[in-house]
């Protein structure tokens, strides 16, 4: 199947790899000059299945916490079996995503900046009491965590300011943080080895229904990318950017 992906952020790059690995003909269209150039450029890169679940127990409507009508609807919806089923599906997806990341890193030998574990800070004692519902739920689901005091948090993460009041924290076992941009560049190369194509400086204008459907796109390099000497030749450029291969490590442009 021929598949077009619009956007080469972390979702687009991962989708391109998985679809190419499944044997599809994949083309990724990206208006910037490289992968992970916008929202995925400096994102936190957090992956922790436990954070996909609500940690606070459903609270009964009370004055001062927002419109009572909205609170009542929220409280009722949280108590419905369908809500529990939806949360179970979200947790299943989060666990699968975490496991799949480990598989890809081992299989493809991806080497990017990363650190294991996730630390959730608790400023006050009432914060710990408020999430007791969530901690009991993690225990029932056999999701490992460790309750830390303030000193243990500072020892685990020396970057914390010791002068700021801190009650403690929760260290999650299944979780990590990583350099999303590095990961995207590495996985992009692997996707291209499987036949995926990346068209940078290409803006998708519209989708047209039909049999087959068509995608209308335009080659839109920036003036900075063209440079003063090539600005006058802009009209002579091809209608799209074509396939762009991975750049060598010393290239500052992100694409050849």
Protein backbone atom coordinates (compact mmCIF):
# COMPACT_ATOMS: atom_id res chain seq x y z
CA UNK A 1 0.00 0.00 0.00
CA UNK A 2 1.18 3.53 -0.77
CA UNK A 3 1.01 5.68 2.37
CA UNK A 4 1.68 9.40 2.82
CA UNK A 5 2.61 10.80 6.23
CA UNK A 6 2.38 14.54 6.82
CA UNK A 7 4.92 15.76 9.35
CA UNK A 8 8.31 14.32 10.34
CA UNK A 9 8.06 14.73 14.09
CA UNK A 10 8.47 11.78 16.44
CA UNK A 11 5.00 10.42 15.55
CA UNK A 12 5.63 10.74 11.82
CA UNK A 13 9.09 9.16 11.92
CA UNK A 14 7.96 6.26 14.12
CA UNK A 15 4.94 5.66 11.87
CA UNK A 16 7.17 5.72 8.80
CA UNK A 17 9.48 3.09 10.27
CA UNK A 18 6.74 0.75 11.43
CA UNK A 19 4.82 0.99 8.13
CA UNK A 20 7.98 0.52 6.04
CA UNK A 21 8.90 -2.50 8.20
CA UNK A 22 5.45 -3.92 7.42
CA UNK A 23 6.19 -3.68 3.69
CA UNK A 24 4.31 -0.50 2.75
CA UNK A 25 5.55 2.21 0.37
CA UNK A 26 5.89 5.23 2.64
CA UNK A 27 6.55 8.88 1.82
CA UNK A 28 6.89 11.49 4.57
CA UNK A 29 6.23 15.14 3.71
CA UNK A 30 7.83 17.75 5.97
CA UNK A 31 7.79 21.52 5.47
CA UNK A 32 11.01 22.00 7.46
CA UNK A 33 14.47 20.89 6.39
CA UNK A 34 14.87 17.94 8.76
CA UNK A 35 13.06 15.60 11.11
CA UNK A 36 12.04 16.72 14.62
CA UNK A 37 12.41 20.39 13.66
CA UNK A 38 9.38 21.80 15.50
CA UNK A 39 7.31 20.27 18.31
CA UNK A 40 9.65 17.27 18.66
CA UNK A 41 12.84 19.37 18.64
CA UNK A 42 13.19 20.00 22.38
CA UNK A 43 10.36 18.01 23.93
CA UNK A 44 10.95 16.36 27.28
CA UNK A 45 10.93 12.85 25.82
CA UNK A 46 9.15 11.28 28.79
CA UNK A 47 7.89 7.70 28.53
CA UNK A 48 6.29 6.34 31.70
CA UNK A 49 3.22 4.07 31.45
CA UNK A 50 2.17 4.88 35.02
CA UNK A 51 1.67 8.54 34.10
CA UNK A 52 -1.03 7.53 31.61
CA UNK A 53 -3.36 6.78 34.54
CA UNK A 54 -5.18 9.31 36.74
CA UNK A 55 -3.59 9.34 40.19
CA UNK A 56 -6.33 11.25 41.98
CA UNK A 57 -9.55 9.62 43.16
CA UNK A 58 -12.79 10.96 41.68
CA UNK A 59 -13.86 13.88 43.89
CA UNK A 60 -17.46 14.67 44.71
CA UNK A 61 -18.66 18.07 43.41
CA UNK A 62 -18.00 20.92 45.85
CA UNK A 63 -18.36 24.71 45.73
CA UNK A 64 -15.27 26.63 44.65
CA UNK A 65 -13.81 23.87 42.45
CA UNK A 66 -15.46 25.00 39.23
CA UNK A 67 -18.99 25.02 37.80
CA UNK A 68 -21.06 22.49 39.76
CA UNK A 69 -22.78 21.20 36.62
CA UNK A 70 -19.43 20.37 35.02
CA UNK A 71 -18.13 18.80 38.26
CA UNK A 72 -21.23 16.62 38.52
CA UNK A 73 -20.88 15.34 34.94
CA UNK A 74 -17.18 14.65 35.48
CA UNK A 75 -17.80 12.77 38.73
CA UNK A 76 -20.51 10.61 37.13
CA UNK A 77 -18.40 9.84 34.04
CA UNK A 78 -15.42 8.78 36.17
CA UNK A 79 -17.56 6.22 37.97
CA UNK A 80 -18.88 4.54 34.82
CA UNK A 81 -17.44 1.14 33.79
CA UNK A 82 -16.69 2.58 30.34
CA UNK A 83 -14.23 5.04 31.91
CA UNK A 84 -12.32 2.20 33.57
CA UNK A 85 -12.23 0.32 30.27
CA UNK A 86 -10.91 3.41 28.47
CA UNK A 87 -8.18 3.88 31.08
CA UNK A 88 -7.21 0.20 30.76
CA UNK A 89 -6.84 0.63 27.00
CA UNK A 90 -4.70 3.74 27.46
CA UNK A 91 -2.47 1.89 29.93
CA UNK A 92 -2.15 -1.07 27.55
CA UNK A 93 -1.08 1.29 24.76
CA UNK A 94 1.41 3.06 27.04
CA UNK A 95 2.95 -0.25 28.13
CA UNK A 96 3.16 -1.43 24.53
CA UNK A 97 4.86 1.83 23.49
CA UNK A 98 7.44 1.49 26.25
CA UNK A 99 8.15 -2.16 25.41
CA UNK A 100 8.36 -1.39 21.69
CA UNK A 101 10.91 1.35 22.35
CA UNK A 102 13.12 -1.14 24.20
CA UNK A 103 12.81 -3.62 21.33
CA UNK A 104 13.75 -1.05 18.70
CA UNK A 105 16.73 0.18 20.69
CA UNK A 106 18.10 -3.34 21.12
CA UNK A 107 17.33 -4.55 17.60
CA UNK A 108 18.56 -1.44 15.77
CA UNK A 109 21.28 -0.61 18.32
CA UNK A 110 20.06 2.97 18.63
CA UNK A 111 22.45 5.07 20.69
CA UNK A 112 20.84 8.30 21.90
CA UNK A 113 20.95 10.29 25.11
CA UNK A 114 18.64 8.71 27.67
CA UNK A 115 18.21 7.96 31.37
CA UNK A 116 16.20 5.24 33.08
CA UNK A 117 13.43 5.89 35.57
CA UNK A 118 11.02 8.71 36.30
CA UNK A 119 10.84 10.88 39.41
CA UNK A 120 7.55 12.50 40.44
CA UNK A 121 8.12 15.20 43.08
CA UNK A 122 5.78 15.85 46.02
CA UNK A 123 5.97 19.34 47.50
CA UNK A 124 3.83 18.75 50.59
CA UNK A 125 2.46 15.94 52.71
CA UNK A 126 -1.03 16.61 51.37
CA UNK A 127 0.27 15.87 47.86
CA UNK A 128 1.27 12.36 48.91
CA UNK A 129 -2.10 11.79 50.58
CA UNK A 130 -3.89 13.01 47.45
CA UNK A 131 -2.20 10.44 45.20
CA UNK A 132 -2.61 7.48 47.56
CA UNK A 133 -5.47 6.32 45.34
CA UNK A 134 -3.11 6.21 42.36
CA UNK A 135 -0.32 4.45 44.27
CA UNK A 136 -2.68 1.69 45.39
CA UNK A 137 -3.80 1.30 41.81
CA UNK A 138 -0.20 0.98 40.58
CA UNK A 139 0.38 -1.73 43.19
CA UNK A 140 -2.69 -3.67 42.05
CA UNK A 141 -1.47 -3.45 38.44
CA UNK A 142 2.00 -4.70 39.43
CA UNK A 143 3.67 -1.50 38.24
CA UNK A 144 6.85 -0.92 40.29
CA UNK A 145 7.45 2.30 42.17
CA UNK A 146 9.42 3.47 45.20
CA UNK A 147 8.38 6.10 47.73
CA UNK A 148 11.28 8.45 48.55
CA UNK A 149 11.84 11.13 51.18
CA UNK A 150 13.35 14.53 50.35
CA UNK A 151 16.95 13.43 51.04
CA UNK A 152 16.60 10.41 48.76
CA UNK A 153 15.19 12.60 45.99
CA UNK A 154 18.17 14.96 46.23
CA UNK A 155 20.60 12.05 46.18
CA UNK A 156 18.88 10.56 43.14
CA UNK A 157 18.67 13.85 41.25
CA UNK A 158 21.54 16.22 42.24
CA UNK A 159 20.13 18.90 39.94
CA UNK A 160 17.29 19.63 42.37
CA UNK A 161 17.56 22.85 44.35
CA UNK A 162 18.11 21.84 48.01
CA UNK A 163 16.74 25.19 49.21
CA UNK A 164 13.24 24.53 47.82
CA UNK A 165 10.84 22.79 50.21
CA UNK A 166 10.28 19.19 49.20
CA UNK A 167 8.28 16.49 50.99
CA UNK A 168 9.42 13.53 48.90
CA UNK A 169 8.83 11.82 45.60
CA UNK A 170 7.77 8.72 43.69
CA UNK A 171 10.37 6.88 41.61
CA UNK A 172 8.72 4.95 38.79
CA UNK A 173 10.50 1.79 37.63
CA UNK A 174 8.94 1.60 34.15
CA UNK A 175 9.94 4.85 32.57
CA UNK A 176 12.69 6.85 30.98
CA UNK A 177 13.54 10.21 29.48
CA UNK A 178 15.48 10.66 26.26
CA UNK A 179 16.66 13.04 23.55
CA UNK A 180 13.72 12.93 21.15
CA UNK A 181 15.51 14.73 18.32
CA UNK A 182 18.46 12.32 18.38
CA UNK A 183 16.08 9.38 18.43
CA UNK A 184 14.16 10.74 15.42
CA UNK A 185 17.32 11.19 13.36
CA UNK A 186 18.48 7.65 14.12
CA UNK A 187 15.10 6.08 13.38
CA UNK A 188 14.74 8.13 10.19
CA UNK A 189 17.91 6.50 8.84
CA UNK A 190 16.54 3.06 9.68
CA UNK A 191 13.23 3.88 7.98
CA UNK A 192 15.05 4.98 4.84
CA UNK A 193 17.01 1.73 4.77
CA UNK A 194 13.63 -0.01 4.60
CA UNK A 195 12.58 2.14 1.64
CA UNK A 196 10.74 5.04 3.29
CA UNK A 197 11.16 8.37 1.50
CA UNK A 198 11.40 11.79 3.13
CA UNK A 199 10.56 14.98 1.24
CA UNK A 200 11.75 18.01 3.16
CA UNK A 201 10.87 21.66 2.48
CA UNK A 202 7.60 20.31 1.09
CA UNK A 203 4.27 21.76 2.19
CA UNK A 204 1.09 19.73 1.74
CA UNK A 205 -1.60 22.05 0.41
CA UNK A 206 -4.62 19.77 0.35
CA UNK A 207 -5.97 16.25 0.00
CA UNK A 208 -8.30 15.44 -2.89
CA UNK A 209 -10.76 12.57 -2.61
CA UNK A 210 -11.02 10.13 -5.46
CA UNK A 211 -9.98 6.71 -6.62
CA UNK A 212 -7.16 6.92 -5.99
CA UNK A 213 -7.01 9.89 -3.64
CA UNK A 214 -4.35 12.49 -4.38
CA UNK A 215 -2.17 14.72 -2.26
CA UNK A 216 -1.28 18.19 -3.53
CA UNK A 217 2.08 19.46 -2.27
CA UNK A 218 4.56 22.20 -3.08
CA UNK A 219 8.33 22.53 -2.74
CA UNK A 220 8.72 25.48 -0.34
CA UNK A 221 12.35 26.08 0.67
CA UNK A 222 13.05 29.08 2.86
CA UNK A 223 15.13 32.01 1.62
CA UNK A 224 17.78 31.07 4.20
CA UNK A 225 17.92 27.55 2.85
CA UNK A 226 18.27 28.77 -0.73
CA UNK A 227 20.86 31.44 0.04
CA UNK A 228 21.46 34.77 -1.81
CA UNK A 229 23.11 33.15 -4.83
CA UNK A 230 20.21 30.80 -5.52
CA UNK A 231 17.28 33.05 -4.64
CA UNK A 232 16.85 34.17 -8.26
CA UNK A 233 16.79 30.53 -9.42
CA UNK A 234 13.85 29.63 -7.18
CA UNK A 235 11.43 29.31 -10.10
CA UNK A 236 13.72 26.78 -11.72
CA UNK A 237 13.52 24.42 -8.74
CA UNK A 238 11.65 21.10 -9.19
CA UNK A 239 8.00 21.00 -8.04
CA UNK A 240 8.94 19.00 -4.94
CA UNK A 241 12.01 18.26 -2.88
CA UNK A 242 12.48 14.67 -3.94
CA UNK A 243 13.88 11.98 -1.66
CA UNK A 244 16.44 13.28 0.84
CA UNK A 245 19.02 10.88 2.19
CA UNK A 246 20.54 11.11 5.70
CA UNK A 247 23.17 13.82 6.06
CA UNK A 248 26.74 13.04 7.13
CA UNK A 249 27.49 13.72 10.81
CA UNK A 250 29.40 16.95 10.03
CA UNK A 251 26.55 18.54 8.06
CA UNK A 252 24.81 21.46 9.77
CA UNK A 253 21.86 21.52 7.38
CA UNK A 254 20.29 18.19 8.35
CA UNK A 255 19.83 17.14 4.72
CA UNK A 256 21.94 16.79 1.61
